[in-house]
Amino acid sequence: MAGNTQIDPQTEGGLFSLLHGLTGYAIAVVLLLSILVGLTIGAIKVQSEQATNFYSINQDLDGLKFNSSENHKQWINEKDK
């Protein structure tokens, strides 16, 4: 093989062979789809929990102050009542 720079695809395909490429592609697709399914299930759970979590707003508009840390007191979570 001295001086021969050609790669024989039958014996020296190594990492770049067709089978290895398709396997890596399949693993990447399955991994990405499983991440997508996990995040989607988590989002649906959070949405269904928060859909019944109502809050009431204090109607005293004079209580609001621009850029104040006390503004969070203007709404009341109904589950905390």
Protein backbone atom coordinates (compact mmCIF):
# COMPACT_ATOMS: atom_id res chain seq x y z
CA MET A 1 0.00 0.00 0.00
CA ALA A 2 3.00 2.31 -0.07
CA GLY A 3 2.28 5.36 -2.19
CA ASN A 4 -1.38 4.44 -2.63
CA THR A 5 -3.61 7.29 -1.44
CA GLN A 6 -6.88 5.74 -2.52
CA ILE A 7 -9.23 4.37 0.17
CA ASP A 8 -10.89 1.09 -0.64
CA PRO A 9 -14.51 1.53 0.49
CA GLN A 10 -14.89 -2.22 0.99
CA THR A 11 -12.14 -2.55 3.58
CA GLU A 12 -11.19 0.92 4.82
CA GLY A 13 -14.49 2.80 5.14
CA GLY A 14 -14.12 3.09 8.89
CA LEU A 15 -16.12 5.84 10.54
CA PHE A 16 -17.32 7.27 7.25
CA SER A 17 -19.02 4.18 5.95
CA LEU A 18 -22.68 4.27 5.03
CA LEU A 19 -23.82 2.11 7.94
CA HIS A 20 -22.11 4.24 10.57
CA GLY A 21 -23.52 7.44 9.09
CA LEU A 22 -27.08 6.15 9.04
CA THR A 23 -26.78 4.80 12.58
CA GLY A 24 -25.52 8.13 13.88
CA TYR A 25 -28.30 9.93 12.05
CA ALA A 26 -30.92 7.60 13.55
CA ILE A 27 -29.52 8.05 17.05
CA ALA A 28 -29.55 11.85 16.67
CA VAL A 29 -33.14 11.86 15.38
CA VAL A 30 -34.37 9.57 18.19
CA LEU A 31 -32.57 11.69 20.79
CA LEU A 32 -34.03 14.95 19.48
CA LEU A 33 -37.54 13.48 19.24
CA SER A 34 -37.34 12.13 22.80
CA ILE A 35 -36.28 15.58 24.05
CA LEU A 36 -39.18 17.12 22.13
CA VAL A 37 -41.67 14.63 23.61
CA GLY A 38 -40.35 15.20 27.14
CA LEU A 39 -40.59 18.98 26.87
CA THR A 40 -44.05 18.77 25.30
CA ILE A 41 -45.37 16.52 28.07
CA GLY A 42 -43.90 18.87 30.69
CA ALA A 43 -45.50 21.89 29.04
CA ILE A 44 -48.90 20.18 28.90
CA LYS A 45 -48.67 19.28 32.60
CA VAL A 46 -47.77 22.85 33.60
CA GLN A 47 -50.54 24.28 31.41
CA SER A 48 -53.19 21.95 32.86
CA GLU A 49 -52.11 22.78 36.44
CA GLN A 50 -52.08 26.53 35.87
CA ALA A 51 -55.38 26.58 33.94
CA THR A 52 -57.24 26.23 37.23
CA ASN A 53 -54.99 28.59 39.19
CA PHE A 54 -57.00 31.81 39.13
CA TYR A 55 -56.04 35.11 40.67
CA SER A 56 -57.90 38.29 41.44
CA ILE A 57 -56.56 41.77 40.81
CA ASN A 58 -56.72 44.58 43.33
CA GLN A 59 -58.69 47.38 41.72
CA ASP A 60 -56.84 50.12 43.60
CA LEU A 61 -54.88 51.61 40.72
CA ASP A 62 -53.30 54.20 43.00
CA GLY A 63 -51.45 51.34 44.68
CA LEU A 64 -49.39 50.72 41.56
CA LYS A 65 -46.07 52.44 41.46
CA PHE A 66 -43.68 52.63 38.56
CA ASN A 67 -40.88 50.08 38.93
CA SER A 68 -41.72 49.17 42.52
CA SER A 69 -41.07 45.90 44.29
CA GLU A 70 -44.46 46.26 46.02
CA ASN A 71 -46.43 45.79 42.77
CA HIS A 72 -46.59 42.04 43.30
CA LYS A 73 -49.12 42.65 46.08
CA GLN A 74 -51.69 43.92 43.56
CA TRP A 75 -52.85 40.41 42.63
CA ILE A 76 -54.00 37.65 44.95
CA ASN A 77 -53.77 33.96 44.15
CA GLU A 78 -57.20 32.39 44.68
CA LYS A 79 -55.67 29.13 45.96
CA ASP A 80 -54.01 31.05 48.81
CA LYS A 81 -57.30 32.39 50.15
